Amino acid sequence: MRRAAVLMVVGPALAALPSCARVDVQPIEVKPIHVVVDVNVRIDRQLDNFFDFEKELASMPLAPVPATQPATTQTAAGIE
């Protein structure tokens, strides 16, 4: 029983071993790769100029806004 289990594991490995010996390894050809990256700096500058107002607003201190408005009272004029 034990021999059968060992043959079931070792048998396929031994059968595949000769196929590994027939592998032909070819040399790898290395070619240079030319990559062109276009950076559109003009549009980037225009966007920075367009959004400069956000930087200006962020640097300005905000005036404190009261949570509620003060009540206004009206006096009755002419009523005696």
C-alpha atoms as a PDB file:
ATOM      1  CA  MET A   1       0.000   0.000   0.000  1.00  0.00           C
ATOM      2  CA  ARG A   2       2.796   2.366   0.916  1.00  0.00           C
ATOM      3  CA  ARG A   3       4.761   1.482  -2.212  1.00  0.00           C
ATOM      4  CA  ALA A   4       1.767   2.252  -4.364  1.00  0.00           C
ATOM      5  CA  ALA A   5       1.439   5.701  -2.795  1.00  0.00           C
ATOM      6  CA  VAL A   6       5.135   6.400  -3.337  1.00  0.00           C
ATOM      7  CA  LEU A   7       4.907   5.274  -6.977  1.00  0.00           C
ATOM      8  CA  MET A   8       1.865   7.515  -7.499  1.00  0.00           C
ATOM      9  CA  VAL A   9       3.895  10.527  -6.353  1.00  0.00           C
ATOM     10  CA  VAL A  10       7.310   9.690  -7.762  1.00  0.00           C
ATOM     11  CA  GLY A  11       6.107   8.096 -11.036  1.00  0.00           C
ATOM     12  CA  PRO A  12       4.780  11.271 -12.726  1.00  0.00           C
ATOM     13  CA  ALA A  13       7.837  13.227 -11.577  1.00  0.00           C
ATOM     14  CA  LEU A  14      10.154  10.657 -13.144  1.00  0.00           C
ATOM     15  CA  ALA A  15       8.084  10.646 -16.336  1.00  0.00           C
ATOM     16  CA  ALA A  16       8.294  14.448 -16.648  1.00  0.00           C
ATOM     17  CA  LEU A  17      12.043  14.585 -15.993  1.00  0.00           C
ATOM     18  CA  PRO A  18      13.171  13.663 -19.543  1.00  0.00           C
ATOM     19  CA  SER A  19      10.904  16.323 -21.032  1.00  0.00           C
ATOM     20  CA  CYS A  20      12.768  18.984 -19.062  1.00  0.00           C
ATOM     21  CA  ALA A  21      16.056  17.871 -20.570  1.00  0.00           C
ATOM     22  CA  ARG A  22      14.784  18.601 -24.115  1.00  0.00           C
ATOM     23  CA  VAL A  23      14.095  22.281 -23.525  1.00  0.00           C
ATOM     24  CA  ASP A  24      16.155  24.462 -25.841  1.00  0.00           C
ATOM     25  CA  VAL A  25      16.988  27.873 -24.377  1.00  0.00           C
ATOM     26  CA  GLN A  26      17.430  30.644 -26.919  1.00  0.00           C
ATOM     27  CA  PRO A  27      19.395  33.808 -26.086  1.00  0.00           C
ATOM     28  CA  ILE A  28      17.276  36.814 -25.245  1.00  0.00           C
ATOM     29  CA  GLU A  29      17.559  39.729 -27.654  1.00  0.00           C
ATOM     30  CA  VAL A  30      17.613  43.097 -25.918  1.00  0.00           C
ATOM     31  CA  LYS A  31      16.589  46.109 -27.989  1.00  0.00           C
ATOM     32  CA  PRO A  32      16.606  49.726 -26.885  1.00  0.00           C
ATOM     33  CA  ILE A  33      13.224  51.317 -26.304  1.00  0.00           C
ATOM     34  CA  HIS A  34      12.678  54.913 -27.364  1.00  0.00           C
ATOM     35  CA  VAL A  35      10.056  56.673 -25.256  1.00  0.00           C
ATOM     36  CA  VAL A  36       8.845  60.193 -25.972  1.00  0.00           C
ATOM     37  CA  VAL A  37       7.001  62.041 -23.231  1.00  0.00           C
ATOM     38  CA  ASP A  38       5.304  65.261 -24.277  1.00  0.00           C
ATOM     39  CA  VAL A  39       4.715  67.643 -21.427  1.00  0.00           C
ATOM     40  CA  ASN A  40       2.395  70.498 -22.215  1.00  0.00           C
ATOM     41  CA  VAL A  41       3.863  73.192 -19.991  1.00  0.00           C
ATOM     42  CA  ARG A  42       1.885  76.027 -21.564  1.00  0.00           C
ATOM     43  CA  ILE A  43      -1.486  74.618 -20.524  1.00  0.00           C
ATOM     44  CA  ASP A  44      -0.110  73.829 -17.075  1.00  0.00           C
ATOM     45  CA  ARG A  45       0.925  77.465 -16.624  1.00  0.00           C
ATOM     46  CA  GLN A  46      -2.449  78.703 -17.844  1.00  0.00           C
ATOM     47  CA  LEU A  47      -4.227  76.475 -15.361  1.00  0.00           C
ATOM     48  CA  ASP A  48      -1.986  77.728 -12.563  1.00  0.00           C
ATOM     49  CA  ASN A  49      -2.796  81.320 -13.516  1.00  0.00           C
ATOM     50  CA  PHE A  50      -6.495  80.537 -13.701  1.00  0.00           C
ATOM     51  CA  PHE A  51      -6.568  79.000 -10.224  1.00  0.00           C
ATOM     52  CA  ASP A  52      -4.376  81.662  -8.574  1.00  0.00           C
ATOM     53  CA  PHE A  53      -7.492  83.261  -7.119  1.00  0.00           C
ATOM     54  CA  GLU A  54      -7.914  80.197  -4.885  1.00  0.00           C
ATOM     55  CA  LYS A  55      -4.460  80.726  -3.418  1.00  0.00           C
ATOM     56  CA  GLU A  56      -5.233  84.406  -2.833  1.00  0.00           C
ATOM     57  CA  LEU A  57      -8.523  83.574  -1.127  1.00  0.00           C
ATOM     58  CA  ALA A  58      -6.858  80.979   1.066  1.00  0.00           C
ATOM     59  CA  SER A  59      -4.257  83.465   2.272  1.00  0.00           C
ATOM     60  CA  MET A  60      -6.839  86.143   3.170  1.00  0.00           C
ATOM     61  CA  PRO A  61      -8.139  86.046   6.750  1.00  0.00           C
ATOM     62  CA  LEU A  62     -11.864  85.599   6.973  1.00  0.00           C
ATOM     63  CA  ALA A  63     -13.944  88.152   8.886  1.00  0.00           C
ATOM     64  CA  PRO A  64     -15.808  86.598  11.783  1.00  0.00           C
ATOM     65  CA  VAL A  65     -19.442  86.057  10.930  1.00  0.00           C
ATOM     66  CA  PRO A  66     -21.891  86.274  13.841  1.00  0.00           C
ATOM     67  CA  ALA A  67     -23.935  83.148  14.404  1.00  0.00           C
ATOM     68  CA  THR A  68     -27.133  85.181  14.814  1.00  0.00           C
ATOM     69  CA  GLN A  69     -28.238  88.634  13.793  1.00  0.00           C
ATOM     70  CA  PRO A  70     -28.992  91.145  16.549  1.00  0.00           C
ATOM     71  CA  ALA A  71     -32.657  91.789  17.093  1.00  0.00           C
ATOM     72  CA  THR A  72     -33.982  95.109  15.880  1.00  0.00           C
ATOM     73  CA  THR A  73     -36.601  96.863  17.928  1.00  0.00           C
ATOM     74  CA  GLN A  74     -39.006  99.349  16.515  1.00  0.00           C
ATOM     75  CA  THR A  75     -40.542 101.998  18.645  1.00  0.00           C
ATOM     76  CA  ALA A  76     -44.072 102.982  18.014  1.00  0.00           C
ATOM     77  CA  ALA A  77     -43.973 106.543  16.839  1.00  0.00           C
ATOM     78  CA  GLY A  78     -47.072 108.587  17.278  1.00  0.00           C
ATOM     79  CA  ILE A  79     -48.737 106.201  19.697  1.00  0.00           C
ATOM     80  CA  GLU A  80     -49.393 107.830  23.067  1.00  0.00           C
END
